[in-house]
Every structure is written in C-alpha cells, then in structure tokens.
Amino acid sequence: ETQAAWEQIQSHNHRLQAELMQCLEKVSKTKFQLQEKQTEIEQFQSQLQQAHTQAQQMQETIAAMQSSKFWKFRTLWFKLKKPLLRNS
C-alpha cells in the first residue's frame, strides 16, 4: 500500500514536472515573441519620427516658396489671368 502510494506520488510529480516544462517553454516562446514585437514597435516609431521630420521640412520648404516674390507674382498672375481670359 505504501509502495503504491509512493508510485502514485512519483507519477503525479512527473506529470507536474512535464507540465512545468511545457509552461516554461511557452513563457520562453512568448517572451521571445514579445521582444520581436517590441523591436517592431521601435522600428515603426523610428519610421514615424522620420516621416514627421520630413513632413516638417516639406512644410518649411512650402512656406519659404510661398513667401518668395516669385510665388507672390505667380499668385497675382493667376488672379489676373482669369478675368483677362474671360474678356478675350
């Protein structure tokens, strides 16, 4: 009777150890996946920052163009051009 109980305890212990190993493997796999996702997030954040910087530079370029004498003359020309073409 004691031997049977001991064997049952050992069997239960082996099952628990196997379950523990499976859980540890899942944790390890999940940790690796999390690290991959964190790397992806960092890459996306870097790309987003670059896109934001480019957008700012483009806005500054457009603002500089629009404040130039050429752009002001161009805008005036298009305003004058419409009535002139209608009268022709």
PDB file of N, CA and C in Angstrom:
ATOM      1  N   GLU A   1       0.830  -1.191   0.000  1.00  0.00           N
ATOM      2  CA  GLU A   1       0.000   0.000   0.000  1.00  0.00           C
ATOM      3  C   GLU A   1       0.877   1.258   0.000  1.00  0.00           C
ATOM      4  N   THR A   2       1.902   1.272   0.783  1.00  0.00           N
ATOM      5  CA  THR A   2       2.814   2.401   0.826  1.00  0.00           C
ATOM      6  C   THR A   2       3.556   2.543  -0.495  1.00  0.00           C
ATOM      7  N   GLN A   3       3.943   1.409  -1.063  1.00  0.00           N
ATOM      8  CA  GLN A   3       4.643   1.418  -2.352  1.00  0.00           C
ATOM      9  C   GLN A   3       3.743   1.995  -3.444  1.00  0.00           C
ATOM     10  N   ALA A   4       2.492   1.610  -3.463  1.00  0.00           N
ATOM     11  CA  ALA A   4       1.547   2.100  -4.470  1.00  0.00           C
ATOM     12  C   ALA A   4       1.337   3.607  -4.309  1.00  0.00           C
ATOM     13  N   ALA A   5       1.242   4.059  -3.083  1.00  0.00           N
ATOM     14  CA  ALA A   5       1.068   5.489  -2.830  1.00  0.00           C
ATOM     15  C   ALA A   5       2.311   6.258  -3.288  1.00  0.00           C
ATOM     16  N   TRP A   6       3.479   5.683  -2.998  1.00  0.00           N
ATOM     17  CA  TRP A   6       4.739   6.318  -3.409  1.00  0.00           C
ATOM     18  C   TRP A   6       4.823   6.411  -4.930  1.00  0.00           C
ATOM     19  N   GLU A   7       4.457   5.351  -5.622  1.00  0.00           N
ATOM     20  CA  GLU A   7       4.479   5.344  -7.089  1.00  0.00           C
ATOM     21  C   GLU A   7       3.477   6.349  -7.655  1.00  0.00           C
ATOM     22  N   GLN A   8       2.337   6.456  -6.997  1.00  0.00           N
ATOM     23  CA  GLN A   8       1.327   7.421  -7.436  1.00  0.00           C
ATOM     24  C   GLN A   8       1.849   8.855  -7.264  1.00  0.00           C
ATOM     25  N   ILE A   9       2.525   9.087  -6.148  1.00  0.00           N
ATOM     26  CA  ILE A   9       3.109  10.411  -5.895  1.00  0.00           C
ATOM     27  C   ILE A   9       4.183  10.716  -6.934  1.00  0.00           C
ATOM     28  N   GLN A  10       5.025   9.729  -7.235  1.00  0.00           N
ATOM     29  CA  GLN A  10       6.079   9.936  -8.233  1.00  0.00           C
ATOM     30  C   GLN A  10       5.486  10.199  -9.621  1.00  0.00           C
ATOM     31  N   SER A  11       4.455   9.447  -9.959  1.00  0.00           N
ATOM     32  CA  SER A  11       3.792   9.633 -11.250  1.00  0.00           C
ATOM     33  C   SER A  11       3.195  11.042 -11.346  1.00  0.00           C
ATOM     34  N   HIS A  12       2.553  11.441 -10.264  1.00  0.00           N
ATOM     35  CA  HIS A  12       1.966  12.783 -10.223  1.00  0.00           C
ATOM     36  C   HIS A  12       3.072  13.844 -10.323  1.00  0.00           C
ATOM     37  N   ASN A  13       4.177  13.595  -9.651  1.00  0.00           N
ATOM     38  CA  ASN A  13       5.321  14.509  -9.682  1.00  0.00           C
ATOM     39  C   ASN A  13       5.870  14.635 -11.106  1.00  0.00           C
ATOM     40  N   HIS A  14       5.979  13.521 -11.821  1.00  0.00           N
ATOM     41  CA  HIS A  14       6.476  13.540 -13.204  1.00  0.00           C
ATOM     42  C   HIS A  14       5.533  14.333 -14.111  1.00  0.00           C
ATOM     43  N   ARG A  15       4.221  14.131 -13.912  1.00  0.00           N
ATOM     44  CA  ARG A  15       3.250  14.888 -14.709  1.00  0.00           C
ATOM     45  C   ARG A  15       3.374  16.389 -14.440  1.00  0.00           C
ATOM     46  N   LEU A  16       3.514  16.725 -13.165  1.00  0.00           N
ATOM     47  CA  LEU A  16       3.659  18.138 -12.808  1.00  0.00           C
ATOM     48  C   LEU A  16       4.941  18.733 -13.394  1.00  0.00           C
ATOM     49  N   GLN A  17       6.018  17.957 -13.358  1.00  0.00           N
ATOM     50  CA  GLN A  17       7.278  18.439 -13.936  1.00  0.00           C
ATOM     51  C   GLN A  17       7.141  18.633 -15.448  1.00  0.00           C
ATOM     52  N   ALA A  18       6.444  17.705 -16.107  1.00  0.00           N
ATOM     53  CA  ALA A  18       6.224  17.828 -17.553  1.00  0.00           C
ATOM     54  C   ALA A  18       5.381  19.067 -17.856  1.00  0.00           C
ATOM     55  N   GLU A  19       4.341  19.287 -17.058  1.00  0.00           N
ATOM     56  CA  GLU A  19       3.505  20.478 -17.241  1.00  0.00           C
ATOM     57  C   GLU A  19       4.313  21.751 -17.001  1.00  0.00           C
ATOM     58  N   LEU A  20       5.154  21.716 -15.981  1.00  0.00           N
ATOM     59  CA  LEU A  20       6.000  22.865 -15.679  1.00  0.00           C
ATOM     60  C   LEU A  20       6.938  23.161 -16.846  1.00  0.00           C
ATOM     61  N   MET A  21       7.528  22.128 -17.418  1.00  0.00           N
ATOM     62  CA  MET A  21       8.426  22.310 -18.561  1.00  0.00           C
ATOM     63  C   MET A  21       7.666  22.905 -19.746  1.00  0.00           C
ATOM     64  N   GLN A  22       6.452  22.434 -19.986  1.00  0.00           N
ATOM     65  CA  GLN A  22       5.644  22.988 -21.078  1.00  0.00           C
ATOM     66  C   GLN A  22       5.338  24.465 -20.829  1.00  0.00           C
ATOM     67  N   CYS A  23       4.997  24.768 -19.591  1.00  0.00           N
ATOM     68  CA  CYS A  23       4.701  26.164 -19.240  1.00  0.00           C
ATOM     69  C   CYS A  23       5.940  27.045 -19.418  1.00  0.00           C
ATOM     70  N   LEU A  24       7.089  26.540 -18.995  1.00  0.00           N
ATOM     71  CA  LEU A  24       8.325  27.307 -19.141  1.00  0.00           C
ATOM     72  C   LEU A  24       8.667  27.525 -20.612  1.00  0.00           C
ATOM     73  N   GLU A  25       8.432  26.512 -21.437  1.00  0.00           N
ATOM     74  CA  GLU A  25       8.668  26.650 -22.874  1.00  0.00           C
ATOM     75  C   GLU A  25       7.732  27.699 -23.473  1.00  0.00           C
ATOM     76  N   LYS A  26       6.468  27.673 -23.048  1.00  0.00           N
ATOM     77  CA  LYS A  26       5.507  28.665 -23.544  1.00  0.00           C
ATOM     78  C   LYS A  26       5.912  30.073 -23.112  1.00  0.00           C
ATOM     79  N   VAL A  27       6.355  30.198 -21.863  1.00  0.00           N
ATOM     80  CA  VAL A  27       6.791  31.503 -21.362  1.00  0.00           C
ATOM     81  C   VAL A  27       7.991  31.993 -22.169  1.00  0.00           C
ATOM     82  N   SER A  28       8.931  31.099 -22.421  1.00  0.00           N
ATOM     83  CA  SER A  28      10.116  31.465 -23.191  1.00  0.00           C
ATOM     84  C   SER A  28       9.735  31.894 -24.604  1.00  0.00           C
ATOM     85  N   LYS A  29       8.839  31.134 -25.237  1.00  0.00           N
ATOM     86  CA  LYS A  29       8.388  31.461 -26.592  1.00  0.00           C
ATOM     87  C   LYS A  29       7.650  32.801 -26.598  1.00  0.00           C
ATOM     88  N   THR A  30       6.789  33.004 -25.609  1.00  0.00           N
ATOM     89  CA  THR A  30       6.033  34.250 -25.515  1.00  0.00           C
ATOM     90  C   THR A  30       6.968  35.432 -25.271  1.00  0.00           C
ATOM     91  N   LYS A  31       7.977  35.230 -24.438  1.00  0.00           N
ATOM     92  CA  LYS A  31       8.954  36.290 -24.164  1.00  0.00           C
ATOM     93  C   LYS A  31       9.696  36.665 -25.445  1.00  0.00           C
ATOM     94  N   PHE A  32      10.078  35.663 -26.229  1.00  0.00           N
ATOM     95  CA  PHE A  32      10.760  35.912 -27.499  1.00  0.00           C
ATOM     96  C   PHE A  32       9.852  36.686 -28.454  1.00  0.00           C
ATOM     97  N   GLN A  33       8.581  36.275 -28.533  1.00  0.00           N
ATOM     98  CA  GLN A  33       7.624  36.967 -29.405  1.00  0.00           C
ATOM     99  C   GLN A  33       7.432  38.417 -28.955  1.00  0.00           C
ATOM    100  N   LEU A  34       7.383  38.618 -27.651  1.00  0.00           N
ATOM    101  CA  LEU A  34       7.241  39.969 -27.107  1.00  0.00           C
ATOM    102  C   LEU A  34       8.442  40.830 -27.495  1.00  0.00           C
ATOM    103  N   GLN A  35       9.637  40.264 -27.389  1.00  0.00           N
ATOM    104  CA  GLN A  35      10.841  41.003 -27.768  1.00  0.00           C
ATOM    105  C   GLN A  35      10.807  41.365 -29.253  1.00  0.00           C
ATOM    106  N   GLU A  36      10.336  40.436 -30.088  1.00  0.00           N
ATOM    107  CA  GLU A  36      10.213  40.721 -31.519  1.00  0.00           C
ATOM    108  C   GLU A  36       9.243  41.877 -31.752  1.00  0.00           C
ATOM    109  N   LYS A  37       8.104  41.836 -31.064  1.00  0.00           N
ATOM    110  CA  LYS A  37       7.100  42.891 -31.224  1.00  0.00           C
ATOM    111  C   LYS A  37       7.641  44.233 -30.734  1.00  0.00           C
ATOM    112  N   GLN A  38       8.395  44.212 -29.647  1.00  0.00           N
ATOM    113  CA  GLN A  38       8.972  45.456 -29.138  1.00  0.00           C
ATOM    114  C   GLN A  38       9.961  46.039 -30.147  1.00  0.00           C
ATOM    115  N   THR A  39      10.729  45.165 -30.792  1.00  0.00           N
ATOM    116  CA  THR A  39      11.659  45.614 -31.831  1.00  0.00           C
ATOM    117  C   THR A  39      10.891  46.222 -32.999  1.00  0.00           C
ATOM    118  N   GLU A  40       9.801  45.579 -33.405  1.00  0.00           N
ATOM    119  CA  GLU A  40       8.969  46.111 -34.493  1.00  0.00           C
ATOM    120  C   GLU A  40       8.401  47.482 -34.120  1.00  0.00           C
ATOM    121  N   ILE A  41       7.927  47.607 -32.887  1.00  0.00           N
ATOM    122  CA  ILE A  41       7.365  48.881 -32.425  1.00  0.00           C
ATOM    123  C   ILE A  41       8.435  49.970 -32.476  1.00  0.00           C
ATOM    124  N   GLU A  42       9.643  49.648 -32.031  1.00  0.00           N
ATOM    125  CA  GLU A  42      10.731  50.629 -32.063  1.00  0.00           C
ATOM    126  C   GLU A  42      11.046  51.044 -33.498  1.00  0.00           C
ATOM    127  N   GLN A  43      11.026  50.072 -34.423  1.00  0.00           N
ATOM    128  CA  GLN A  43      11.277  50.391 -35.831  1.00  0.00           C
ATOM    129  C   GLN A  43      10.178  51.298 -36.383  1.00  0.00           C
ATOM    130  N   PHE A  44       8.920  50.978 -36.063  1.00  0.00           N
ATOM    131  CA  PHE A  44       7.806  51.807 -36.523  1.00  0.00           C
ATOM    132  C   PHE A  44       7.886  53.214 -35.943  1.00  0.00           C
ATOM    133  N   GLN A  45       8.272  53.309 -34.677  1.00  0.00           N
ATOM    134  CA  GLN A  45       8.404  54.629 -34.047  1.00  0.00           C
ATOM    135  C   GLN A  45       9.499  55.441 -34.738  1.00  0.00           C
ATOM    136  N   SER A  46      10.585  54.773 -35.091  1.00  0.00           N
ATOM    137  CA  SER A  46      11.674  55.444 -35.797  1.00  0.00           C
ATOM    138  C   SER A  46      11.210  55.922 -37.169  1.00  0.00           C
ATOM    139  N   GLN A  47      10.486  55.061 -37.885  1.00  0.00           N
ATOM    140  CA  GLN A  47       9.962  55.441 -39.202  1.00  0.00           C
ATOM    141  C   GLN A  47       8.974  56.597 -39.080  1.00  0.00           C
ATOM    142  N   LEU A  48       8.142  56.547 -38.054  1.00  0.00           N
ATOM    143  CA  LEU A  48       7.176  57.621 -37.829  1.00  0.00           C
ATOM    144  C   LEU A  48       7.889  58.939 -37.549  1.00  0.00           C
ATOM    145  N   GLN A  49       8.933  58.886 -36.750  1.00  0.00           N
ATOM    146  CA  GLN A  49       9.704  60.093 -36.443  1.00  0.00           C
ATOM    147  C   GLN A  49      10.346  60.650 -37.712  1.00  0.00           C
ATOM    148  N   GLN A  50      10.888  59.765 -38.552  1.00  0.00           N
ATOM    149  CA  GLN A  50      11.490  60.212 -39.813  1.00  0.00           C
ATOM    150  C   GLN A  50      10.439  60.862 -40.713  1.00  0.00           C
ATOM    151  N   ALA A  51       9.272  60.240 -40.799  1.00  0.00           N
ATOM    152  CA  ALA A  51       8.191  60.790 -41.622  1.00  0.00           C
ATOM    153  C   ALA A  51       7.754  62.152 -41.084  1.00  0.00           C
ATOM    154  N   HIS A  52       7.677  62.275 -39.774  1.00  0.00           N
ATOM    155  CA  HIS A  52       7.300  63.546 -39.151  1.00  0.00           C
ATOM    156  C   HIS A  52       8.340  64.623 -39.472  1.00  0.00           C
ATOM    157  N   THR A  53       9.614  64.264 -39.377  1.00  0.00           N
ATOM    158  CA  THR A  53      10.690  65.209 -39.689  1.00  0.00           C
ATOM    159  C   THR A  53      10.620  65.644 -41.147  1.00  0.00           C
ATOM    160  N   GLN A  54      10.391  64.682 -42.043  1.00  0.00           N
ATOM    161  CA  GLN A  54      10.273  65.010 -43.468  1.00  0.00           C
ATOM    162  C   GLN A  54       9.077  65.925 -43.723  1.00  0.00           C
ATOM    163  N   ALA A  55       7.969  65.640 -43.065  1.00  0.00           N
ATOM    164  CA  ALA A  55       6.775  66.473 -43.232  1.00  0.00           C
ATOM    165  C   ALA A  55       7.050  67.903 -42.769  1.00  0.00           C
ATOM    166  N   GLN A  56       7.742  68.045 -41.660  1.00  0.00           N
ATOM    167  CA  GLN A  56       8.088  69.385 -41.159  1.00  0.00           C
ATOM    168  C   GLN A  56       8.980  70.119 -42.161  1.00  0.00           C
ATOM    169  N   GLN A  57       9.971  69.386 -42.696  1.00  0.00           N
ATOM    170  CA  GLN A  57      10.872  70.003 -43.673  1.00  0.00           C
ATOM    171  C   GLN A  57      10.107  70.436 -44.922  1.00  0.00           C
ATOM    172  N   MET A  58       9.173  69.604 -45.354  1.00  0.00           N
ATOM    173  CA  MET A  58       8.376  69.949 -46.534  1.00  0.00           C
ATOM    174  C   MET A  58       7.502  71.169 -46.267  1.00  0.00           C
ATOM    175  N   GLN A  59       6.921  71.236 -45.075  1.00  0.00           N
ATOM    176  CA  GLN A  59       6.099  72.397 -44.725  1.00  0.00           C
ATOM    177  C   GLN A  59       6.939  73.668 -44.708  1.00  0.00           C
ATOM    178  N   GLU A  60       8.159  73.560 -44.197  1.00  0.00           N
ATOM    179  CA  GLU A  60       9.050  74.720 -44.172  1.00  0.00           C
ATOM    180  C   GLU A  60       9.428  75.137 -45.590  1.00  0.00           C
ATOM    181  N   THR A  61       9.675  74.151 -46.455  1.00  0.00           N
ATOM    182  CA  THR A  61      10.007  74.440 -47.853  1.00  0.00           C
ATOM    183  C   THR A  61       8.842  75.125 -48.555  1.00  0.00           C
ATOM    184  N   ILE A  62       7.648  74.602 -48.343  1.00  0.00           N
ATOM    185  CA  ILE A  62       6.453  75.196 -48.956  1.00  0.00           C
ATOM    186  C   ILE A  62       6.240  76.616 -48.445  1.00  0.00           C
ATOM    187  N   ALA A  63       6.403  76.809 -47.147  1.00  0.00           N
ATOM    188  CA  ALA A  63       6.237  78.154 -46.573  1.00  0.00           C
ATOM    189  C   ALA A  63       7.261  79.117 -47.170  1.00  0.00           C
ATOM    190  N   ALA A  64       8.496  78.651 -47.343  1.00  0.00           N
ATOM    191  CA  ALA A  64       9.532  79.508 -47.934  1.00  0.00           C
ATOM    192  C   ALA A  64       9.194  79.833 -49.385  1.00  0.00           C
ATOM    193  N   MET A  65       8.708  78.839 -50.121  1.00  0.00           N
ATOM    194  CA  MET A  65       8.323  79.071 -51.520  1.00  0.00           C
ATOM    195  C   MET A  65       7.192  80.088 -51.599  1.00  0.00           C
ATOM    196  N   GLN A  66       6.190  79.910 -50.760  1.00  0.00           N
ATOM    197  CA  GLN A  66       5.014  80.778 -50.814  1.00  0.00           C
ATOM    198  C   GLN A  66       5.323  82.203 -50.377  1.00  0.00           C
ATOM    199  N   SER A  67       6.361  82.385 -49.603  1.00  0.00           N
ATOM    200  CA  SER A  67       6.710  83.744 -49.174  1.00  0.00           C
ATOM    201  C   SER A  67       7.666  84.426 -50.159  1.00  0.00           C
ATOM    202  N   SER A  68       8.111  83.706 -51.177  1.00  0.00           N
ATOM    203  CA  SER A  68       9.036  84.302 -52.148  1.00  0.00           C
ATOM    204  C   SER A  68       8.300  85.262 -53.081  1.00  0.00           C
ATOM    205  N   LYS A  69       9.064  86.185 -53.661  1.00  0.00           N
ATOM    206  CA  LYS A  69       8.481  87.152 -54.595  1.00  0.00           C
ATOM    207  C   LYS A  69       7.918  86.428 -55.815  1.00  0.00           C
ATOM    208  N   PHE A  70       8.617  85.414 -56.264  1.00  0.00           N
ATOM    209  CA  PHE A  70       8.141  84.656 -57.424  1.00  0.00           C
ATOM    210  C   PHE A  70       6.758  84.077 -57.159  1.00  0.00           C
ATOM    211  N   TRP A  71       6.581  83.490 -55.993  1.00  0.00           N
ATOM    212  CA  TRP A  71       5.289  82.856 -55.677  1.00  0.00           C
ATOM    213  C   TRP A  71       4.175  83.907 -55.588  1.00  0.00           C
ATOM    214  N   LYS A  72       4.507  85.027 -54.989  1.00  0.00           N
ATOM    215  CA  LYS A  72       3.511  86.103 -54.885  1.00  0.00           C
ATOM    216  C   LYS A  72       3.130  86.613 -56.278  1.00  0.00           C
ATOM    217  N   PHE A  73       4.133  86.750 -57.152  1.00  0.00           N
ATOM    218  CA  PHE A  73       3.857  87.172 -58.524  1.00  0.00           C
ATOM    219  C   PHE A  73       3.022  86.119 -59.242  1.00  0.00           C
ATOM    220  N   ARG A  74       3.337  84.872 -59.044  1.00  0.00           N
ATOM    221  CA  ARG A  74       2.594  83.758 -59.657  1.00  0.00           C
ATOM    222  C   ARG A  74       1.131  83.800 -59.221  1.00  0.00           C
ATOM    223  N   THR A  75       0.913  83.972 -57.921  1.00  0.00           N
ATOM    224  CA  THR A  75      -0.448  84.033 -57.384  1.00  0.00           C
ATOM    225  C   THR A  75      -1.213  85.209 -57.988  1.00  0.00           C
ATOM    226  N   LEU A  76      -0.551  86.348 -58.065  1.00  0.00           N
ATOM    227  CA  LEU A  76      -1.178  87.529 -58.657  1.00  0.00           C
ATOM    228  C   LEU A  76      -1.497  87.285 -60.130  1.00  0.00           C
ATOM    229  N   TRP A  77      -0.575  86.665 -60.854  1.00  0.00           N
ATOM    230  CA  TRP A  77      -0.785  86.362 -62.273  1.00  0.00           C
ATOM    231  C   TRP A  77      -2.025  85.491 -62.466  1.00  0.00           C
ATOM    232  N   PHE A  78      -2.185  84.472 -61.651  1.00  0.00           N
ATOM    233  CA  PHE A  78      -3.351  83.601 -61.797  1.00  0.00           C
ATOM    234  C   PHE A  78      -4.650  84.340 -61.456  1.00  0.00           C
ATOM    235  N   LYS A  79      -4.582  85.273 -60.520  1.00  0.00           N
ATOM    236  CA  LYS A  79      -5.776  86.063 -60.201  1.00  0.00           C
ATOM    237  C   LYS A  79      -6.150  86.975 -61.368  1.00  0.00           C
ATOM    238  N   LEU A  80      -5.141  87.561 -61.999  1.00  0.00           N
ATOM    239  CA  LEU A  80      -5.390  88.468 -63.120  1.00  0.00           C
ATOM    240  C   LEU A  80      -5.724  87.712 -64.408  1.00  0.00           C
ATOM    241  N   LYS A  81      -5.177  86.544 -64.548  1.00  0.00           N
ATOM    242  CA  LYS A  81      -5.327  85.758 -65.771  1.00  0.00           C
ATOM    243  C   LYS A  81      -6.782  85.373 -66.024  1.00  0.00           C
ATOM    244  N   LYS A  82      -7.507  84.998 -64.999  1.00  0.00           N
ATOM    245  CA  LYS A  82      -8.902  84.564 -65.166  1.00  0.00           C
ATOM    246  C   LYS A  82      -9.774  85.659 -65.779  1.00  0.00           C
ATOM    247  N   PRO A  83      -9.776  86.866 -65.217  1.00  0.00           N
ATOM    248  CA  PRO A  83     -10.611  87.912 -65.831  1.00  0.00           C
ATOM    249  C   PRO A  83     -10.144  88.284 -67.242  1.00  0.00           C
ATOM    250  N   LEU A  84      -8.841  88.251 -67.469  1.00  0.00           N
ATOM    251  CA  LEU A  84      -8.320  88.594 -68.794  1.00  0.00           C
ATOM    252  C   LEU A  84      -8.769  87.584 -69.844  1.00  0.00           C
ATOM    253  N   LEU A  85      -8.779  86.321 -69.481  1.00  0.00           N
ATOM    254  CA  LEU A  85      -9.188  85.280 -70.425  1.00  0.00           C
ATOM    255  C   LEU A  85     -10.685  85.344 -70.700  1.00  0.00           C
ATOM    256  N   ARG A  86     -11.477  85.744 -69.734  1.00  0.00           N
ATOM    257  CA  ARG A  86     -12.931  85.861 -69.928  1.00  0.00           C
ATOM    258  C   ARG A  86     -13.268  87.001 -70.890  1.00  0.00           C
ATOM    259  N   ASN A  87     -12.488  88.057 -70.817  1.00  0.00           N
ATOM    260  CA  ASN A  87     -12.748  89.218 -71.667  1.00  0.00           C
ATOM    261  C   ASN A  87     -12.283  89.005 -73.105  1.00  0.00           C
ATOM    262  N   SER A  88     -11.456  88.021 -73.349  1.00  0.00           N
ATOM    263  CA  SER A  88     -10.927  87.790 -74.705  1.00  0.00           C
ATOM    264  C   SER A  88     -11.932  87.147 -75.610  1.00  0.00           C
TER     265      SER A  88
END
